[in-house]
PDB file of N, CA and C in Angstrom:
ATOM      1  N   MET A   1     144.484-234.713 -65.279  1.00  0.00           N
ATOM      2  CA  MET A   1     144.236-235.417 -64.136  1.00  0.00           C
ATOM      3  C   MET A   1     144.230-234.316 -62.828  1.00  0.00           C
ATOM      4  N   VAL A   2     144.981-233.164 -62.827  1.00  0.00           N
ATOM      5  CA  VAL A   2     144.848-232.153 -61.802  1.00  0.00           C
ATOM      6  C   VAL A   2     143.516-231.560 -61.687  1.00  0.00           C
ATOM      7  N   TYR A   3     142.951-231.074 -63.072  1.00  0.00           N
ATOM      8  CA  TYR A   3     141.779-230.363 -62.946  1.00  0.00           C
ATOM      9  C   TYR A   3     140.842-231.520 -63.009  1.00  0.00           C
ATOM     10  N   ASP A   4     140.861-232.460 -63.208  1.00  0.00           N
ATOM     11  CA  ASP A   4     139.736-233.559 -63.236  1.00  0.00           C
ATOM     12  C   ASP A   4     139.510-233.665 -61.590  1.00  0.00           C
ATOM     13  N   ALA A   5     140.591-233.839 -60.916  1.00  0.00           N
ATOM     14  CA  ALA A   5     140.351-233.811 -59.540  1.00  0.00           C
ATOM     15  C   ALA A   5     139.768-232.556 -58.901  1.00  0.00           C
ATOM     16  N   LEU A   6     140.188-231.191 -59.527  1.00  0.00           N
ATOM     17  CA  LEU A   6     139.588-230.111 -58.834  1.00  0.00           C
ATOM     18  C   LEU A   6     138.013-230.103 -59.255  1.00  0.00           C
ATOM     19  N   ASN A   7     137.763-230.507 -60.332  1.00  0.00           N
ATOM     20  CA  ASN A   7     136.366-230.287 -61.023  1.00  0.00           C
ATOM     21  C   ASN A   7     135.500-231.370 -60.141  1.00  0.00           C
ATOM     22  N   GLU A   8     136.010-232.447 -59.528  1.00  0.00           N
ATOM     23  CA  GLU A   8     135.410-233.543 -58.882  1.00  0.00           C
ATOM     24  C   GLU A   8     135.294-232.804 -57.305  1.00  0.00           C
ATOM     25  N   GLY A   9     135.604-231.711 -56.848  1.00  0.00           N
ATOM     26  CA  GLY A   9     135.802-231.147 -55.568  1.00  0.00           C
ATOM     27  C   GLY A   9     137.141-231.866 -54.611  1.00  0.00           C
ATOM     28  N   GLN A  10     137.855-232.643 -55.377  1.00  0.00           N
ATOM     29  CA  GLN A  10     139.134-233.142 -54.609  1.00  0.00           C
ATOM     30  C   GLN A  10     140.451-232.496 -54.868  1.00  0.00           C
ATOM     31  N   VAL A  11     140.894-231.695 -53.931  1.00  0.00           N
ATOM     32  CA  VAL A  11     142.141-230.869 -54.329  1.00  0.00           C
ATOM     33  C   VAL A  11     143.138-231.761 -53.899  1.00  0.00           C
ATOM     34  N   PRO A  12     144.166-232.053 -54.553  1.00  0.00           N
ATOM     35  CA  PRO A  12     145.396-232.807 -54.038  1.00  0.00           C
ATOM     36  C   PRO A  12     145.779-232.491 -52.694  1.00  0.00           C
ATOM     37  N   ALA A  13     146.221-232.937 -51.547  1.00  0.00           N
ATOM     38  CA  ALA A  13     146.801-232.296 -50.480  1.00  0.00           C
ATOM     39  C   ALA A  13     148.529-231.987 -50.891  1.00  0.00           C
ATOM     40  N   PRO A  14     148.733-231.053 -50.516  1.00  0.00           N
ATOM     41  CA  PRO A  14     149.855-230.385 -50.808  1.00  0.00           C
ATOM     42  C   PRO A  14     151.213-231.063 -50.140  1.00  0.00           C
ATOM     43  N   SER A  15     151.043-232.064 -49.277  1.00  0.00           N
ATOM     44  CA  SER A  15     151.863-232.905 -48.533  1.00  0.00           C
ATOM     45  C   SER A  15     152.289-234.462 -49.082  1.00  0.00           C
ATOM     46  N   GLN A  16     151.515-234.606 -50.378  1.00  0.00           N
ATOM     47  CA  GLN A  16     151.586-236.113 -51.025  1.00  0.00           C
ATOM     48  C   GLN A  16     153.099-235.805 -51.419  1.00  0.00           C
ATOM     49  N   PRO A  17     153.768-237.298 -51.523  1.00  0.00           N
ATOM     50  CA  PRO A  17     154.907-237.504 -51.569  1.00  0.00           C
ATOM     51  C   PRO A  17     155.193-237.150 -52.956  1.00  0.00           C
ATOM     52  N   PRO A  18     156.465-237.100 -53.523  1.00  0.00           N
ATOM     53  CA  PRO A  18     156.736-236.923 -55.033  1.00  0.00           C
ATOM     54  C   PRO A  18     156.277-238.044 -55.999  1.00  0.00           C
ATOM     55  N   ALA A  19     156.009-238.118 -56.798  1.00  0.00           N
ATOM     56  CA  ALA A  19     155.799-239.251 -57.756  1.00  0.00           C
ATOM     57  C   ALA A  19     156.748-240.056 -58.087  1.00  0.00           C
ATOM     58  N   ALA A  20     156.585-241.447 -57.610  1.00  0.00           N
ATOM     59  CA  ALA A  20     157.936-242.031 -58.100  1.00  0.00           C
ATOM     60  C   ALA A  20     158.528-242.077 -59.351  1.00  0.00           C
ATOM     61  N   GLY A  21     159.705-241.950 -59.762  1.00  0.00           N
ATOM     62  CA  GLY A  21     160.526-241.718 -60.891  1.00  0.00           C
ATOM     63  C   GLY A  21     160.469-240.382 -61.595  1.00  0.00           C
ATOM     64  N   PHE A  22     160.005-239.706 -60.548  1.00  0.00           N
ATOM     65  CA  PHE A  22     160.101-238.091 -60.847  1.00  0.00           C
ATOM     66  C   PHE A  22     160.787-237.269 -59.741  1.00  0.00           C
ATOM     67  N   PRO A  23     162.179-237.655 -59.597  1.00  0.00           N
ATOM     68  CA  PRO A  23     163.067-236.957 -58.737  1.00  0.00           C
ATOM     69  C   PRO A  23     162.877-235.321 -58.819  1.00  0.00           C
ATOM     70  N   GLY A  24     162.948-234.350 -57.913  1.00  0.00           N
ATOM     71  CA  GLY A  24     162.711-232.982 -58.225  1.00  0.00           C
ATOM     72  C   GLY A  24     161.630-232.478 -58.506  1.00  0.00           C
ATOM     73  N   LYS A  25     160.377-233.460 -58.563  1.00  0.00           N
ATOM     74  CA  LYS A  25     159.248-232.800 -59.106  1.00  0.00           C
ATOM     75  C   LYS A  25     158.769-231.425 -58.253  1.00  0.00           C
ATOM     76  N   ASP A  26     158.871-231.722 -56.784  1.00  0.00           N
ATOM     77  CA  ASP A  26     158.387-230.714 -55.982  1.00  0.00           C
ATOM     78  C   ASP A  26     159.422-229.289 -56.084  1.00  0.00           C
ATOM     79  N   GLU A  27     160.637-229.559 -56.356  1.00  0.00           N
ATOM     80  CA  GLU A  27     161.196-228.437 -56.392  1.00  0.00           C
ATOM     81  C   GLU A  27     160.903-227.794 -57.751  1.00  0.00           C
ATOM     82  N   ALA A  28     160.676-228.362 -59.007  1.00  0.00           N
ATOM     83  CA  ALA A  28     160.219-228.155 -60.004  1.00  0.00           C
ATOM     84  C   ALA A  28     158.769-227.395 -60.297  1.00  0.00           C
ATOM     85  N   ILE A  29     157.914-227.795 -59.293  1.00  0.00           N
ATOM     86  CA  ILE A  29     156.784-227.284 -59.328  1.00  0.00           C
ATOM     87  C   ILE A  29     156.940-226.084 -58.432  1.00  0.00           C
ATOM     88  N   ALA A  30     157.832-225.895 -57.368  1.00  0.00           N
ATOM     89  CA  ALA A  30     157.834-224.620 -56.548  1.00  0.00           C
ATOM     90  C   ALA A  30     158.558-223.410 -57.727  1.00  0.00           C
ATOM     91  N   GLY A  31     159.145-223.974 -58.322  1.00  0.00           N
ATOM     92  CA  GLY A  31     159.835-223.009 -59.332  1.00  0.00           C
ATOM     93  C   GLY A  31     158.840-222.563 -60.315  1.00  0.00           C
ATOM     94  N   ILE A  32     157.991-223.163 -60.973  1.00  0.00           N
ATOM     95  CA  ILE A  32     157.006-222.811 -61.579  1.00  0.00           C
ATOM     96  C   ILE A  32     155.953-221.865 -60.782  1.00  0.00           C
ATOM     97  N   MET A  33     155.834-222.359 -59.752  1.00  0.00           N
ATOM     98  CA  MET A  33     155.225-221.570 -58.781  1.00  0.00           C
ATOM     99  C   MET A  33     155.383-220.112 -58.362  1.00  0.00           C
ATOM    100  N   LYS A  34     156.919-219.866 -58.356  1.00  0.00           N
ATOM    101  CA  LYS A  34     157.693-218.785 -58.226  1.00  0.00           C
ATOM    102  C   LYS A  34     157.573-217.795 -59.514  1.00  0.00           C
ATOM    103  N   SER A  35     157.332-218.362 -60.382  1.00  0.00           N
ATOM    104  CA  SER A  35     157.334-217.892 -61.839  1.00  0.00           C
ATOM    105  C   SER A  35     156.121-217.223 -62.091  1.00  0.00           C
ATOM    106  N   ILE A  36     155.319-218.077 -61.925  1.00  0.00           N
ATOM    107  CA  ILE A  36     153.915-217.478 -62.068  1.00  0.00           C
ATOM    108  C   ILE A  36     153.248-216.360 -61.076  1.00  0.00           C
ATOM    109  N   ASP A  37     153.902-216.374 -59.567  1.00  0.00           N
ATOM    110  CA  ASP A  37     153.524-215.107 -58.961  1.00  0.00           C
ATOM    111  C   ASP A  37     154.252-214.471 -59.103  1.00  0.00           C
ATOM    112  N   ALA A  38     155.446-214.183 -59.873  1.00  0.00           N
ATOM    113  CA  ALA A  38     156.157-213.012 -60.258  1.00  0.00           C
ATOM    114  C   ALA A  38     155.413-212.494 -61.315  1.00  0.00           C
ATOM    115  N   ASP A  39     154.689-212.684 -62.391  1.00  0.00           N
ATOM    116  CA  ASP A  39     153.868-212.210 -63.499  1.00  0.00           C
ATOM    117  C   ASP A  39     152.561-211.671 -62.883  1.00  0.00           C
ATOM    118  N   PRO A  40     152.392-210.663 -62.774  1.00  0.00           N
ATOM    119  CA  PRO A  40     151.340-209.680 -62.492  1.00  0.00           C
ATOM    120  C   PRO A  40     150.173-210.514 -63.230  1.00  0.00           C
ATOM    121  N   GLY A  41     149.967-210.310 -64.496  1.00  0.00           N
ATOM    122  CA  GLY A  41     149.190-210.697 -65.372  1.00  0.00           C
ATOM    123  C   GLY A  41     148.530-212.295 -64.942  1.00  0.00           C
ATOM    124  N   TYR A  42     149.712-213.122 -65.062  1.00  0.00           N
ATOM    125  CA  TYR A  42     149.246-214.730 -64.631  1.00  0.00           C
ATOM    126  C   TYR A  42     148.664-214.650 -62.815  1.00  0.00           C
ATOM    127  N   ARG A  43     149.113-213.865 -62.141  1.00  0.00           N
ATOM    128  CA  ARG A  43     148.944-214.032 -60.903  1.00  0.00           C
ATOM    129  C   ARG A  43     147.508-213.532 -60.766  1.00  0.00           C
ATOM    130  N   ALA A  44     146.986-212.711 -61.504  1.00  0.00           N
ATOM    131  CA  ALA A  44     145.664-212.339 -61.653  1.00  0.00           C
ATOM    132  C   ALA A  44     144.588-213.196 -62.159  1.00  0.00           C
ATOM    133  N   SER A  45     145.348-214.012 -63.271  1.00  0.00           N
ATOM    134  CA  SER A  45     144.337-215.173 -63.687  1.00  0.00           C
ATOM    135  C   SER A  45     144.246-216.311 -62.413  1.00  0.00           C
ATOM    136  N   ILE A  46     145.423-216.380 -61.740  1.00  0.00           N
ATOM    137  CA  ILE A  46     145.258-217.310 -60.830  1.00  0.00           C
ATOM    138  C   ILE A  46     144.255-216.977 -59.721  1.00  0.00           C
ATOM    139  N   ARG A  47     144.228-216.086 -59.610  1.00  0.00           N
ATOM    140  CA  ARG A  47     143.231-215.269 -58.356  1.00  0.00           C
ATOM    141  C   ARG A  47     141.756-215.249 -58.674  1.00  0.00           C
ATOM    142  N   GLU A  48     141.655-214.994 -60.024  1.00  0.00           N
ATOM    143  CA  GLU A  48     140.351-215.059 -60.582  1.00  0.00           C
ATOM    144  C   GLU A  48     139.811-216.688 -60.724  1.00  0.00           C
ATOM    145  N   LYS A  49     140.553-217.487 -60.950  1.00  0.00           N
ATOM    146  CA  LYS A  49     140.297-219.079 -61.130  1.00  0.00           C
ATOM    147  C   LYS A  49     140.130-219.417 -59.807  1.00  0.00           C
ATOM    148  N   ALA A  50     141.047-219.062 -58.824  1.00  0.00           N
ATOM    149  CA  ALA A  50     140.812-219.550 -57.295  1.00  0.00           C
ATOM    150  C   ALA A  50     139.128-219.202 -56.894  1.00  0.00           C
ATOM    151  N   THR A  51     139.240-217.926 -57.058  1.00  0.00           N
ATOM    152  CA  THR A  51     137.663-217.620 -56.530  1.00  0.00           C
ATOM    153  C   THR A  51     136.399-217.842 -57.293  1.00  0.00           C
ATOM    154  N   ALA A  52     136.704-218.422 -58.566  1.00  0.00           N
ATOM    155  CA  ALA A  52     135.537-219.125 -59.368  1.00  0.00           C
ATOM    156  C   ALA A  52     135.509-220.484 -58.391  1.00  0.00           C
ATOM    157  N   LYS A  53     136.647-221.272 -58.309  1.00  0.00           N
ATOM    158  CA  LYS A  53     136.624-222.465 -57.962  1.00  0.00           C
ATOM    159  C   LYS A  53     136.171-222.489 -56.303  1.00  0.00           C
ATOM    160  N   GLY A  54     136.290-221.408 -55.239  1.00  0.00           N
ATOM    161  CA  GLY A  54     136.002-221.348 -54.210  1.00  0.00           C
ATOM    162  C   GLY A  54     137.261-222.025 -53.509  1.00  0.00           C
ATOM    163  N   ILE A  55     138.528-221.803 -54.084  1.00  0.00           N
ATOM    164  CA  ILE A  55     139.670-222.438 -53.369  1.00  0.00           C
ATOM    165  C   ILE A  55     140.562-221.190 -52.986  1.00  0.00           C
ATOM    166  N   THR A  56     141.521-221.470 -52.065  1.00  0.00           N
ATOM    167  CA  THR A  56     142.829-220.466 -52.131  1.00  0.00           C
ATOM    168  C   THR A  56     143.372-220.046 -53.190  1.00  0.00           C
ATOM    169  N   TYR A  57     144.277-219.058 -53.220  1.00  0.00           N
ATOM    170  CA  TYR A  57     145.158-218.597 -54.246  1.00  0.00           C
ATOM    171  C   TYR A  57     146.387-219.608 -54.430  1.00  0.00           C
ATOM    172  N   GLU A  58     146.868-220.058 -52.932  1.00  0.00           N
ATOM    173  CA  GLU A  58     148.067-221.046 -53.345  1.00  0.00           C
ATOM    174  C   GLU A  58     147.491-222.393 -53.783  1.00  0.00           C
ATOM    175  N   GLU A  59     146.151-222.810 -53.419  1.00  0.00           N
ATOM    176  CA  GLU A  59     146.166-224.233 -53.921  1.00  0.00           C
ATOM    177  C   GLU A  59     145.968-223.944 -55.427  1.00  0.00           C
ATOM    178  N   MET A  60     145.150-222.828 -56.003  1.00  0.00           N
ATOM    179  CA  MET A  60     145.179-222.613 -57.600  1.00  0.00           C
ATOM    180  C   MET A  60     146.337-222.541 -57.867  1.00  0.00           C
ATOM    181  N   LEU A  61     147.302-221.988 -57.391  1.00  0.00           N
ATOM    182  CA  LEU A  61     148.765-221.806 -57.916  1.00  0.00           C
ATOM    183  C   LEU A  61     149.328-223.055 -58.004  1.00  0.00           C
ATOM    184  N   ARG A  62     149.291-223.816 -57.053  1.00  0.00           N
ATOM    185  CA  ARG A  62     149.981-225.066 -56.936  1.00  0.00           C
ATOM    186  C   ARG A  62     149.266-226.258 -58.194  1.00  0.00           C
ATOM    187  N   LEU A  63     148.051-226.104 -58.261  1.00  0.00           N
ATOM    188  CA  LEU A  63     147.009-226.896 -59.328  1.00  0.00           C
ATOM    189  C   LEU A  63     147.677-226.470 -60.650  1.00  0.00           C
ATOM    190  N   ASP A  64     147.640-225.248 -61.013  1.00  0.00           N
ATOM    191  CA  ASP A  64     148.261-224.607 -62.038  1.00  0.00           C
ATOM    192  C   ASP A  64     149.842-225.340 -62.437  1.00  0.00           C
ATOM    193  N   ALA A  65     150.482-224.924 -61.088  1.00  0.00           N
ATOM    194  CA  ALA A  65     152.165-225.457 -61.516  1.00  0.00           C
ATOM    195  C   ALA A  65     151.969-226.930 -61.888  1.00  0.00           C
ATOM    196  N   GLY A  66     151.328-227.392 -61.228  1.00  0.00           N
ATOM    197  CA  GLY A  66     151.230-229.060 -61.196  1.00  0.00           C
ATOM    198  C   GLY A  66     150.852-229.389 -63.072  1.00  0.00           C
ATOM    199  N   TRP A  67     150.034-228.813 -63.323  1.00  0.00           N
ATOM    200  CA  TRP A  67     149.649-228.957 -64.635  1.00  0.00           C
ATOM    201  C   TRP A  67     150.486-228.780 -65.678  1.00  0.00           C
ATOM    202  N   ILE A  68     151.099-227.530 -65.314  1.00  0.00           N
ATOM    203  CA  ILE A  68     152.324-226.845 -66.129  1.00  0.00           C
ATOM    204  C   ILE A  68     153.384-228.292 -66.031  1.00  0.00           C
ATOM    205  N   TRP A  69     153.845-228.886 -65.224  1.00  0.00           N
ATOM    206  CA  TRP A  69     154.896-229.753 -64.886  1.00  0.00           C
ATOM    207  C   TRP A  69     154.470-230.862 -65.558  1.00  0.00           C
ATOM    208  N   GLU A  70     153.168-231.236 -65.559  1.00  0.00           N
ATOM    209  CA  GLU A  70     152.603-232.327 -66.007  1.00  0.00           C
ATOM    210  C   GLU A  70     152.940-232.276 -67.699  1.00  0.00           C
ATOM    211  N   GLN A  71     152.240-231.389 -68.352  1.00  0.00           N
ATOM    212  CA  GLN A  71     152.586-230.859 -69.561  1.00  0.00           C
ATOM    213  C   GLN A  71     153.913-231.092 -70.071  1.00  0.00           C
ATOM    214  N   LYS A  72     154.820-230.570 -69.420  1.00  0.00           N
ATOM    215  CA  LYS A  72     156.191-230.422 -69.708  1.00  0.00           C
ATOM    216  C   LYS A  72     156.545-231.902 -69.766  1.00  0.00           C
ATOM    217  N   GLN A  73     156.125-232.827 -68.918  1.00  0.00           N
ATOM    218  CA  GLN A  73     156.713-234.182 -68.753  1.00  0.00           C
ATOM    219  C   GLN A  73     156.233-235.066 -69.797  1.00  0.00           C
ATOM    220  N   LYS A  74     154.894-234.404 -70.580  1.00  0.00           N
ATOM    221  CA  LYS A  74     154.305-235.394 -71.580  1.00  0.00           C
ATOM    222  C   LYS A  74     154.978-234.927 -72.706  1.00  0.00           C
ATOM    223  N   SER A  75     155.325-233.671 -72.909  1.00  0.00           N
ATOM    224  CA  SER A  75     155.902-233.150 -73.918  1.00  0.00           C
ATOM    225  C   SER A  75     157.300-233.676 -74.101  1.00  0.00           C
ATOM    226  N   SER A  76     157.964-234.046 -73.358  1.00  0.00           N
ATOM    227  CA  SER A  76     159.368-234.447 -73.044  1.00  0.00           C
ATOM    228  C   SER A  76     159.325-235.875 -72.993  1.00  0.00           C
ATOM    229  N   GLY A  77     158.506-236.716 -73.196  1.00  0.00           N
ATOM    230  CA  GLY A  77     158.492-238.003 -73.381  1.00  0.00           C
ATOM    231  C   GLY A  77     158.175-238.769 -72.012  1.00  0.00           C
ATOM    232  N   ASN A  78     158.379-238.067 -70.810  1.00  0.00           N
ATOM    233  CA  ASN A  78     158.248-238.835 -69.406  1.00  0.00           C
ATOM    234  C   ASN A  78     157.067-238.854 -69.144  1.00  0.00           C
ATOM    235  N   LYS A  79     156.167-239.899 -69.737  1.00  0.00           N
ATOM    236  CA  LYS A  79     154.589-240.144 -69.298  1.00  0.00           C
ATOM    237  C   LYS A  79     154.399-240.912 -68.149  1.00  0.00           C
TER     238      LYS A  79
END
């Protein structure tokens, strides 16, 4: 879903409210972003993807963190 929006040129606004039924989503995504940003290899990968997509590092970081969060929700049965 996140990557579909990105591929269509629609980057989700960072100010969107948390999804109903997922308390703590923003905090969880912020934690994932912090973990990604602390890893030099992952950080370089995010920079490359951001450049390729023509978006900022922060936007790509948020998209990747959001995607990871969604995958964790799916794998834990919280679809």
